């Protein structure tokens, strides 16, 4: 694929653009980006990454891959505008939360469509993505789609209905971790450490914990118990988490995000 077109220019589009250019999957000259009205945003992407933001009608016709990256609430109207501009040969990669493949083909016609839920860690080549395909995607196209996502992290193929859970877990997951880091920084400064010190300690702690989970054959509960000495500081902290219903809060977080993804799908 030598000409890809982003319809939408938000943070997830930028993460993929930055990751693909960094990993030399595409050159900036092969990437085209448009949105409905935010010209300042397009200028920023052009100035920062060198991508094309001014192009003519032929670009739509010649695009090998069209990436749907607009806000989900704008998806239907955007697809109505897009359909007469593109050919039946263009494949679609959608990064829209909650918008079903059937909805996409209903508005853009029968064509190869892949739905993926990456996350913004694609910027640094560490996205965790789930992907689903329709039956128009060929074996070759499937391989290309997987390679594109593997270039900016890890990717796993799932049933389309499971993308709601993927969205709630890994798609939104970075925000939950950043929110956790905010809490660490806030309480760390309350107990006498500088914000920079807390960030250094906890960033390394999160990175080390993630690497332990990747390398160890033990389940998380086993690893947790290895850290938790009876009567020690960790046990005291775990008891406080249990008292404040940490598990229940996490469950509510994921279920609410999944429900929102499903409601977006059902509203279209």
C-alpha atoms as a PDB file:
ATOM      1  CA  UNK A   1       0.000   0.000   0.000  1.00  0.00           C
ATOM      2  CA  UNK A   2       1.555   3.229  -1.133  1.00  0.00           C
ATOM      3  CA  UNK A   3      -1.185   5.806  -0.629  1.00  0.00           C
ATOM      4  CA  UNK A   4      -3.249   5.872   2.541  1.00  0.00           C
ATOM      5  CA  UNK A   5      -5.904   8.402   3.412  1.00  0.00           C
ATOM      6  CA  UNK A   6      -7.013   9.298   6.934  1.00  0.00           C
ATOM      7  CA  UNK A   7     -10.543  10.644   7.254  1.00  0.00           C
ATOM      8  CA  UNK A   8     -10.209  12.361  10.611  1.00  0.00           C
ATOM      9  CA  UNK A   9      -7.204  13.849  12.324  1.00  0.00           C
ATOM     10  CA  UNK A  10      -7.599  13.204  16.053  1.00  0.00           C
ATOM     11  CA  UNK A  11      -5.207  11.756  18.610  1.00  0.00           C
ATOM     12  CA  UNK A  12      -5.519   8.140  17.454  1.00  0.00           C
ATOM     13  CA  UNK A  13      -4.902   9.116  13.829  1.00  0.00           C
ATOM     14  CA  UNK A  14      -1.845  11.067  14.944  1.00  0.00           C
ATOM     15  CA  UNK A  15      -0.580   8.119  17.006  1.00  0.00           C
ATOM     16  CA  UNK A  16      -0.737   5.824  13.965  1.00  0.00           C
ATOM     17  CA  UNK A  17       0.807   8.440  11.687  1.00  0.00           C
ATOM     18  CA  UNK A  18       3.686   9.032  14.085  1.00  0.00           C
ATOM     19  CA  UNK A  19       4.203   5.334  14.718  1.00  0.00           C
ATOM     20  CA  UNK A  20       4.128   4.322  11.052  1.00  0.00           C
ATOM     21  CA  UNK A  21       6.525   7.073  10.014  1.00  0.00           C
ATOM     22  CA  UNK A  22       8.862   6.294  12.918  1.00  0.00           C
ATOM     23  CA  UNK A  23       8.847   2.585  12.055  1.00  0.00           C
ATOM     24  CA  UNK A  24       9.288   3.384   8.341  1.00  0.00           C
ATOM     25  CA  UNK A  25       6.067   1.577   7.385  1.00  0.00           C
ATOM     26  CA  UNK A  26       5.078   4.603   5.296  1.00  0.00           C
ATOM     27  CA  UNK A  27       6.814   7.796   4.344  1.00  0.00           C
ATOM     28  CA  UNK A  28       5.127  11.083   5.110  1.00  0.00           C
ATOM     29  CA  UNK A  29       4.610  11.573   1.379  1.00  0.00           C
ATOM     30  CA  UNK A  30       2.450   8.430   1.224  1.00  0.00           C
ATOM     31  CA  UNK A  31       0.078   9.632   3.959  1.00  0.00           C
ATOM     32  CA  UNK A  32      -2.860  11.947   3.279  1.00  0.00           C
ATOM     33  CA  UNK A  33      -5.039  13.410   6.025  1.00  0.00           C
ATOM     34  CA  UNK A  34      -8.270  15.348   5.951  1.00  0.00           C
ATOM     35  CA  UNK A  35     -11.010  16.357   8.349  1.00  0.00           C
ATOM     36  CA  UNK A  36     -14.218  18.305   8.093  1.00  0.00           C
ATOM     37  CA  UNK A  37     -13.278  21.748   9.360  1.00  0.00           C
ATOM     38  CA  UNK A  38     -10.260  21.952  11.697  1.00  0.00           C
ATOM     39  CA  UNK A  39      -7.666  23.408   9.354  1.00  0.00           C
ATOM     40  CA  UNK A  40      -5.340  24.346  12.229  1.00  0.00           C
ATOM     41  CA  UNK A  41      -5.174  20.673  13.226  1.00  0.00           C
ATOM     42  CA  UNK A  42      -4.304  19.672   9.658  1.00  0.00           C
ATOM     43  CA  UNK A  43      -1.620  22.341   9.502  1.00  0.00           C
ATOM     44  CA  UNK A  44      -0.163  21.002  12.753  1.00  0.00           C
ATOM     45  CA  UNK A  45       0.035  17.467  11.354  1.00  0.00           C
ATOM     46  CA  UNK A  46       1.632  18.742   8.148  1.00  0.00           C
ATOM     47  CA  UNK A  47       4.176  20.860  10.007  1.00  0.00           C
ATOM     48  CA  UNK A  48       4.984  18.134  12.543  1.00  0.00           C
ATOM     49  CA  UNK A  49       5.107  15.009  10.371  1.00  0.00           C
ATOM     50  CA  UNK A  50       5.217  16.272   6.784  1.00  0.00           C
ATOM     51  CA  UNK A  51       2.025  14.473   5.746  1.00  0.00           C
ATOM     52  CA  UNK A  52      -0.167  15.724   2.901  1.00  0.00           C
ATOM     53  CA  UNK A  53      -3.181  17.766   3.973  1.00  0.00           C
ATOM     54  CA  UNK A  54      -3.952  19.541   0.705  1.00  0.00           C
ATOM     55  CA  UNK A  55      -4.952  17.254  -2.162  1.00  0.00           C
ATOM     56  CA  UNK A  56      -7.454  16.925  -4.957  1.00  0.00           C
ATOM     57  CA  UNK A  57     -10.295  14.546  -5.807  1.00  0.00           C
ATOM     58  CA  UNK A  58      -7.931  12.095  -7.510  1.00  0.00           C
ATOM     59  CA  UNK A  59      -6.349  11.247  -4.170  1.00  0.00           C
ATOM     60  CA  UNK A  60      -9.615   9.713  -2.976  1.00  0.00           C
ATOM     61  CA  UNK A  61      -9.807   7.643  -6.162  1.00  0.00           C
ATOM     62  CA  UNK A  62      -6.198   6.472  -5.909  1.00  0.00           C
ATOM     63  CA  UNK A  63      -6.088   5.652  -2.190  1.00  0.00           C
ATOM     64  CA  UNK A  64      -5.074   2.047  -1.528  1.00  0.00           C
ATOM     65  CA  UNK A  65      -6.341   2.240   2.041  1.00  0.00           C
ATOM     66  CA  UNK A  66      -8.837   4.603   3.657  1.00  0.00           C
ATOM     67  CA  UNK A  67      -8.715   4.901   7.426  1.00  0.00           C
ATOM     68  CA  UNK A  68     -11.877   6.023   9.187  1.00  0.00           C
ATOM     69  CA  UNK A  69     -10.686   8.100  12.131  1.00  0.00           C
ATOM     70  CA  UNK A  70     -13.382  10.704  12.664  1.00  0.00           C
ATOM     71  CA  UNK A  71     -15.403  11.033  15.863  1.00  0.00           C
ATOM     72  CA  UNK A  72     -17.989   8.212  16.067  1.00  0.00           C
ATOM     73  CA  UNK A  73     -20.813  10.763  16.308  1.00  0.00           C
ATOM     74  CA  UNK A  74     -19.752  12.162  12.912  1.00  0.00           C
ATOM     75  CA  UNK A  75     -19.273   8.786  11.227  1.00  0.00           C
ATOM     76  CA  UNK A  76     -22.543   8.484   9.302  1.00  0.00           C
ATOM     77  CA  UNK A  77     -22.494  11.962   7.815  1.00  0.00           C
ATOM     78  CA  UNK A  78     -18.781  11.630   7.007  1.00  0.00           C
ATOM     79  CA  UNK A  79     -19.347   8.333   5.207  1.00  0.00           C
ATOM     80  CA  UNK A  80     -22.189   9.872   3.191  1.00  0.00           C
ATOM     81  CA  UNK A  81     -19.756  12.547   2.012  1.00  0.00           C
ATOM     82  CA  UNK A  82     -17.005  10.017   1.381  1.00  0.00           C
ATOM     83  CA  UNK A  83     -18.871   7.381  -0.654  1.00  0.00           C
ATOM     84  CA  UNK A  84     -19.143   9.258  -3.994  1.00  0.00           C
ATOM     85  CA  UNK A  85     -15.445  10.175  -3.824  1.00  0.00           C
ATOM     86  CA  UNK A  86     -13.967   6.672  -3.588  1.00  0.00           C
ATOM     87  CA  UNK A  87     -13.835   3.617  -5.828  1.00  0.00           C
ATOM     88  CA  UNK A  88     -15.072   0.130  -5.085  1.00  0.00           C
ATOM     89  CA  UNK A  89     -11.492  -1.101  -4.851  1.00  0.00           C
ATOM     90  CA  UNK A  90     -10.469   0.907  -1.794  1.00  0.00           C
ATOM     91  CA  UNK A  91     -10.084  -1.100   1.404  1.00  0.00           C
ATOM     92  CA  UNK A  92     -11.272   0.384   4.684  1.00  0.00           C
ATOM     93  CA  UNK A  93      -9.566   0.289   8.073  1.00  0.00           C
ATOM     94  CA  UNK A  94     -11.831   1.670  10.779  1.00  0.00           C
ATOM     95  CA  UNK A  95     -10.554   2.817  14.169  1.00  0.00           C
ATOM     96  CA  UNK A  96     -13.989   4.058  15.221  1.00  0.00           C
ATOM     97  CA  UNK A  97     -15.250   2.910  18.598  1.00  0.00           C
ATOM     98  CA  UNK A  98     -18.617   1.167  18.400  1.00  0.00           C
ATOM     99  CA  UNK A  99     -19.241   1.520  14.647  1.00  0.00           C
ATOM    100  CA  UNK A 100     -19.972  -1.942  13.225  1.00  0.00           C
ATOM    101  CA  UNK A 101     -18.574  -3.304   9.980  1.00  0.00           C
ATOM    102  CA  UNK A 102     -22.142  -3.748   8.697  1.00  0.00           C
ATOM    103  CA  UNK A 103     -22.783  -0.048   9.322  1.00  0.00           C
ATOM    104  CA  UNK A 104     -19.658   0.840   7.359  1.00  0.00           C
ATOM    105  CA  UNK A 105     -20.570  -1.337   4.359  1.00  0.00           C
ATOM    106  CA  UNK A 106     -24.150  -0.095   4.501  1.00  0.00           C
ATOM    107  CA  UNK A 107     -22.912   3.437   3.897  1.00  0.00           C
ATOM    108  CA  UNK A 108     -19.749   2.805   1.850  1.00  0.00           C
ATOM    109  CA  UNK A 109     -20.811  -0.250  -0.137  1.00  0.00           C
ATOM    110  CA  UNK A 110     -19.522  -3.822  -0.166  1.00  0.00           C
ATOM    111  CA  UNK A 111     -15.749  -3.713   0.122  1.00  0.00           C
ATOM    112  CA  UNK A 112     -12.920  -5.123   2.298  1.00  0.00           C
ATOM    113  CA  UNK A 113     -13.262  -3.713   5.820  1.00  0.00           C
ATOM    114  CA  UNK A 114     -11.146  -4.256   8.917  1.00  0.00           C
ATOM    115  CA  UNK A 115     -12.161  -2.846  12.283  1.00  0.00           C
ATOM    116  CA  UNK A 116      -9.347  -2.274  14.722  1.00  0.00           C
ATOM    117  CA  UNK A 117      -9.134  -0.842  18.199  1.00  0.00           C
ATOM    118  CA  UNK A 118      -5.549   0.270  18.803  1.00  0.00           C
ATOM    119  CA  UNK A 119      -4.436   2.677  21.517  1.00  0.00           C
ATOM    120  CA  UNK A 120      -2.306   5.794  21.590  1.00  0.00           C
ATOM    121  CA  UNK A 121       0.828   3.851  22.560  1.00  0.00           C
ATOM    122  CA  UNK A 122       1.104   3.212  18.808  1.00  0.00           C
ATOM    123  CA  UNK A 123       3.048   6.485  18.914  1.00  0.00           C
ATOM    124  CA  UNK A 124       5.999   4.627  20.464  1.00  0.00           C
ATOM    125  CA  UNK A 125       5.409   1.271  18.789  1.00  0.00           C
ATOM    126  CA  UNK A 126       3.699  -0.292  21.820  1.00  0.00           C
ATOM    127  CA  UNK A 127      -0.001  -0.325  21.002  1.00  0.00           C
ATOM    128  CA  UNK A 128      -2.181  -3.241  22.035  1.00  0.00           C
ATOM    129  CA  UNK A 129      -4.768  -3.751  19.285  1.00  0.00           C
ATOM    130  CA  UNK A 130      -7.705  -6.015  18.587  1.00  0.00           C
ATOM    131  CA  UNK A 131      -8.816  -6.454  14.970  1.00  0.00           C
ATOM    132  CA  UNK A 132     -11.765  -8.025  13.128  1.00  0.00           C
ATOM    133  CA  UNK A 133     -12.359  -8.507   9.389  1.00  0.00           C
ATOM    134  CA  UNK A 134     -15.319  -8.905   7.081  1.00  0.00           C
ATOM    135  CA  UNK A 135     -15.486 -11.664   4.474  1.00  0.00           C
ATOM    136  CA  UNK A 136     -14.382  -9.319   1.670  1.00  0.00           C
ATOM    137  CA  UNK A 137     -10.871  -9.103   3.125  1.00  0.00           C
ATOM    138  CA  UNK A 138      -8.524 -11.376   1.183  1.00  0.00           C
ATOM    139  CA  UNK A 139      -5.768 -13.442   2.749  1.00  0.00           C
ATOM    140  CA  UNK A 140      -3.226 -10.994   1.358  1.00  0.00           C
ATOM    141  CA  UNK A 141      -5.087  -7.979   2.708  1.00  0.00           C
ATOM    142  CA  UNK A 142      -5.480  -9.629   6.101  1.00  0.00           C
ATOM    143  CA  UNK A 143      -1.730 -10.154   6.231  1.00  0.00           C
ATOM    144  CA  UNK A 144      -1.125  -6.504   5.314  1.00  0.00           C
ATOM    145  CA  UNK A 145      -3.543  -5.237   7.964  1.00  0.00           C
ATOM    146  CA  UNK A 146      -1.868  -7.365  10.627  1.00  0.00           C
ATOM    147  CA  UNK A 147       1.579  -6.176   9.551  1.00  0.00           C
ATOM    148  CA  UNK A 148       0.450  -2.551   9.813  1.00  0.00           C
ATOM    149  CA  UNK A 149      -0.687  -3.052  13.390  1.00  0.00           C
ATOM    150  CA  UNK A 150       2.275  -5.223  14.368  1.00  0.00           C
ATOM    151  CA  UNK A 151       4.560  -2.404  13.230  1.00  0.00           C
ATOM    152  CA  UNK A 152       3.221  -0.227  16.046  1.00  0.00           C
ATOM    153  CA  UNK A 153       2.744  -2.845  18.762  1.00  0.00           C
ATOM    154  CA  UNK A 154       0.948  -6.142  19.251  1.00  0.00           C
ATOM    155  CA  UNK A 155      -2.331  -7.169  17.598  1.00  0.00           C
ATOM    156  CA  UNK A 156      -4.744 -10.024  18.141  1.00  0.00           C
ATOM    157  CA  UNK A 157      -7.618 -11.076  15.894  1.00  0.00           C
ATOM    158  CA  UNK A 158     -10.989 -11.289  17.657  1.00  0.00           C
ATOM    159  CA  UNK A 159     -14.636 -11.677  16.734  1.00  0.00           C
ATOM    160  CA  UNK A 160     -16.150  -8.311  15.953  1.00  0.00           C
ATOM    161  CA  UNK A 161     -18.486  -8.407  18.961  1.00  0.00           C
ATOM    162  CA  UNK A 162     -15.445  -8.797  21.211  1.00  0.00           C
ATOM    163  CA  UNK A 163     -14.123  -5.419  20.048  1.00  0.00           C
ATOM    164  CA  UNK A 164     -16.450  -3.787  22.586  1.00  0.00           C
ATOM    165  CA  UNK A 165     -14.453  -5.455  25.359  1.00  0.00           C
ATOM    166  CA  UNK A 166     -11.154  -4.680  23.621  1.00  0.00           C
ATOM    167  CA  UNK A 167     -12.215  -1.040  23.411  1.00  0.00           C
ATOM    168  CA  UNK A 168     -13.004  -0.970  27.123  1.00  0.00           C
ATOM    169  CA  UNK A 169      -9.786  -2.713  28.150  1.00  0.00           C
ATOM    170  CA  UNK A 170      -6.830  -1.847  25.914  1.00  0.00           C
ATOM    171  CA  UNK A 171      -8.388   0.847  23.747  1.00  0.00           C
ATOM    172  CA  UNK A 172      -9.194   3.038  26.729  1.00  0.00           C
ATOM    173  CA  UNK A 173      -6.558   1.382  28.923  1.00  0.00           C
ATOM    174  CA  UNK A 174      -3.831   4.027  28.619  1.00  0.00           C
ATOM    175  CA  UNK A 175      -6.198   6.630  30.059  1.00  0.00           C
ATOM    176  CA  UNK A 176      -6.844   4.419  33.086  1.00  0.00           C
ATOM    177  CA  UNK A 177      -3.096   3.999  33.678  1.00  0.00           C
ATOM    178  CA  UNK A 178      -2.506   7.742  33.300  1.00  0.00           C
ATOM    179  CA  UNK A 179      -5.346   8.333  35.770  1.00  0.00           C
ATOM    180  CA  UNK A 180      -3.656   5.923  38.176  1.00  0.00           C
ATOM    181  CA  UNK A 181      -0.369   7.786  37.728  1.00  0.00           C
ATOM    182  CA  UNK A 182      -2.136  11.048  38.510  1.00  0.00           C
ATOM    183  CA  UNK A 183      -3.291   9.514  41.791  1.00  0.00           C
ATOM    184  CA  UNK A 184       0.227   8.262  42.603  1.00  0.00           C
ATOM    185  CA  UNK A 185       1.669  11.709  41.938  1.00  0.00           C
ATOM    186  CA  UNK A 186      -1.008  13.423  43.983  1.00  0.00           C
ATOM    187  CA  UNK A 187      -0.604  11.233  47.060  1.00  0.00           C
ATOM    188  CA  UNK A 188       3.170  10.958  46.652  1.00  0.00           C
ATOM    189  CA  UNK A 189       3.561  14.704  46.994  1.00  0.00           C
ATOM    190  CA  UNK A 190       1.246  14.642  50.033  1.00  0.00           C
ATOM    191  CA  UNK A 191       3.623  12.253  51.819  1.00  0.00           C
ATOM    192  CA  UNK A 192       6.674  14.398  51.103  1.00  0.00           C
ATOM    193  CA  UNK A 193       8.133  13.398  47.750  1.00  0.00           C
ATOM    194  CA  UNK A 194       8.563  15.677  44.763  1.00  0.00           C
ATOM    195  CA  UNK A 195       6.362  15.089  41.717  1.00  0.00           C
ATOM    196  CA  UNK A 196       9.447  14.254  39.629  1.00  0.00           C
ATOM    197  CA  UNK A 197      10.574  11.669  42.169  1.00  0.00           C
ATOM    198  CA  UNK A 198       7.151  10.033  42.261  1.00  0.00           C
ATOM    199  CA  UNK A 199       7.007   9.900  38.481  1.00  0.00           C
ATOM    200  CA  UNK A 200      10.459   8.331  38.231  1.00  0.00           C
ATOM    201  CA  UNK A 201       9.679   5.717  40.887  1.00  0.00           C
ATOM    202  CA  UNK A 202       6.232   4.792  39.639  1.00  0.00           C
ATOM    203  CA  UNK A 203       7.041   4.844  35.920  1.00  0.00           C
ATOM    204  CA  UNK A 204       9.802   2.338  36.539  1.00  0.00           C
ATOM    205  CA  UNK A 205       7.558   0.340  38.866  1.00  0.00           C
ATOM    206  CA  UNK A 206       4.824   0.105  36.210  1.00  0.00           C
ATOM    207  CA  UNK A 207       7.352  -0.792  33.512  1.00  0.00           C
ATOM    208  CA  UNK A 208       8.988  -3.422  35.701  1.00  0.00           C
ATOM    209  CA  UNK A 209       5.656  -4.916  36.687  1.00  0.00           C
ATOM    210  CA  UNK A 210       4.566  -5.133  33.057  1.00  0.00           C
ATOM    211  CA  UNK A 211       7.825  -6.852  32.129  1.00  0.00           C
ATOM    212  CA  UNK A 212       7.427  -9.312  35.013  1.00  0.00           C
ATOM    213  CA  UNK A 213       3.959 -10.207  33.740  1.00  0.00           C
ATOM    214  CA  UNK A 214       5.382 -10.763  30.248  1.00  0.00           C
ATOM    215  CA  UNK A 215       8.292 -12.927  31.409  1.00  0.00           C
ATOM    216  CA  UNK A 216       6.784 -14.859  34.302  1.00  0.00           C
ATOM    217  CA  UNK A 217       4.733 -18.042  34.002  1.00  0.00           C
ATOM    218  CA  UNK A 218       2.912 -17.098  37.208  1.00  0.00           C
ATOM    219  CA  UNK A 219      -0.535 -15.536  37.249  1.00  0.00           C
ATOM    220  CA  UNK A 220      -0.909 -12.010  38.638  1.00  0.00           C
ATOM    221  CA  UNK A 221      -2.365 -13.233  41.950  1.00  0.00           C
ATOM    222  CA  UNK A 222       0.703 -15.446  42.515  1.00  0.00           C
ATOM    223  CA  UNK A 223       3.070 -12.569  41.762  1.00  0.00           C
ATOM    224  CA  UNK A 224       1.069 -10.313  44.071  1.00  0.00           C
ATOM    225  CA  UNK A 225       1.298 -12.778  46.956  1.00  0.00           C
ATOM    226  CA  UNK A 226       5.075 -13.009  46.484  1.00  0.00           C
ATOM    227  CA  UNK A 227       5.294  -9.270  47.160  1.00  0.00           C
ATOM    228  CA  UNK A 228       2.812  -9.293  50.054  1.00  0.00           C
ATOM    229  CA  UNK A 229       4.452 -10.290  53.342  1.00  0.00           C
ATOM    230  CA  UNK A 230       2.035 -11.078  56.212  1.00  0.00           C
ATOM    231  CA  UNK A 231       1.710  -8.052  58.457  1.00  0.00           C
ATOM    232  CA  UNK A 232       3.833  -5.922  56.136  1.00  0.00           C
ATOM    233  CA  UNK A 233       3.339  -2.620  54.335  1.00  0.00           C
ATOM    234  CA  UNK A 234       2.070  -4.163  51.103  1.00  0.00           C
ATOM    235  CA  UNK A 235      -0.575  -6.148  52.925  1.00  0.00           C
ATOM    236  CA  UNK A 236      -1.720  -2.967  54.653  1.00  0.00           C
ATOM    237  CA  UNK A 237      -2.024  -1.230  51.292  1.00  0.00           C
ATOM    238  CA  UNK A 238      -3.921  -4.154  49.728  1.00  0.00           C
ATOM    239  CA  UNK A 239      -6.368  -4.162  52.633  1.00  0.00           C
ATOM    240  CA  UNK A 240      -7.029  -0.463  52.021  1.00  0.00           C
ATOM    241  CA  UNK A 241      -7.726  -1.192  48.339  1.00  0.00           C
ATOM    242  CA  UNK A 242     -10.147  -3.927  49.355  1.00  0.00           C
ATOM    243  CA  UNK A 243     -11.809  -1.625  51.889  1.00  0.00           C
ATOM    244  CA  UNK A 244     -12.400   0.975  49.184  1.00  0.00           C
ATOM    245  CA  UNK A 245     -13.667  -1.703  46.762  1.00  0.00           C
ATOM    246  CA  UNK A 246     -10.879  -1.450  44.223  1.00  0.00           C
ATOM    247  CA  UNK A 247     -11.995  -4.566  42.309  1.00  0.00           C
ATOM    248  CA  UNK A 248     -15.560  -3.303  42.113  1.00  0.00           C
ATOM    249  CA  UNK A 249     -14.354   0.064  40.799  1.00  0.00           C
ATOM    250  CA  UNK A 250     -12.296  -1.589  38.046  1.00  0.00           C
ATOM    251  CA  UNK A 251     -15.225  -3.822  37.077  1.00  0.00           C
ATOM    252  CA  UNK A 252     -17.548  -0.825  36.886  1.00  0.00           C
ATOM    253  CA  UNK A 253     -14.989   1.076  34.790  1.00  0.00           C
ATOM    254  CA  UNK A 254     -14.669  -1.681  32.177  1.00  0.00           C
ATOM    255  CA  UNK A 255     -18.376  -2.485  32.048  1.00  0.00           C
ATOM    256  CA  UNK A 256     -19.341   1.172  31.625  1.00  0.00           C
ATOM    257  CA  UNK A 257     -16.834   1.624  28.797  1.00  0.00           C
ATOM    258  CA  UNK A 258     -18.005  -1.573  27.080  1.00  0.00           C
ATOM    259  CA  UNK A 259     -21.641  -0.516  27.451  1.00  0.00           C
ATOM    260  CA  UNK A 260     -20.829   2.854  25.900  1.00  0.00           C
ATOM    261  CA  UNK A 261     -19.177   1.124  22.944  1.00  0.00           C
ATOM    262  CA  UNK A 262     -22.282  -1.010  22.453  1.00  0.00           C
ATOM    263  CA  UNK A 263     -24.574   2.003  22.721  1.00  0.00           C
ATOM    264  CA  UNK A 264     -22.580   3.758  19.996  1.00  0.00           C
ATOM    265  CA  UNK A 265     -23.085   0.705  17.784  1.00  0.00           C
ATOM    266  CA  UNK A 266     -26.797   0.479  18.530  1.00  0.00           C
ATOM    267  CA  UNK A 267     -27.414   4.174  17.901  1.00  0.00           C
ATOM    268  CA  UNK A 268     -26.285   3.956  14.271  1.00  0.00           C
END
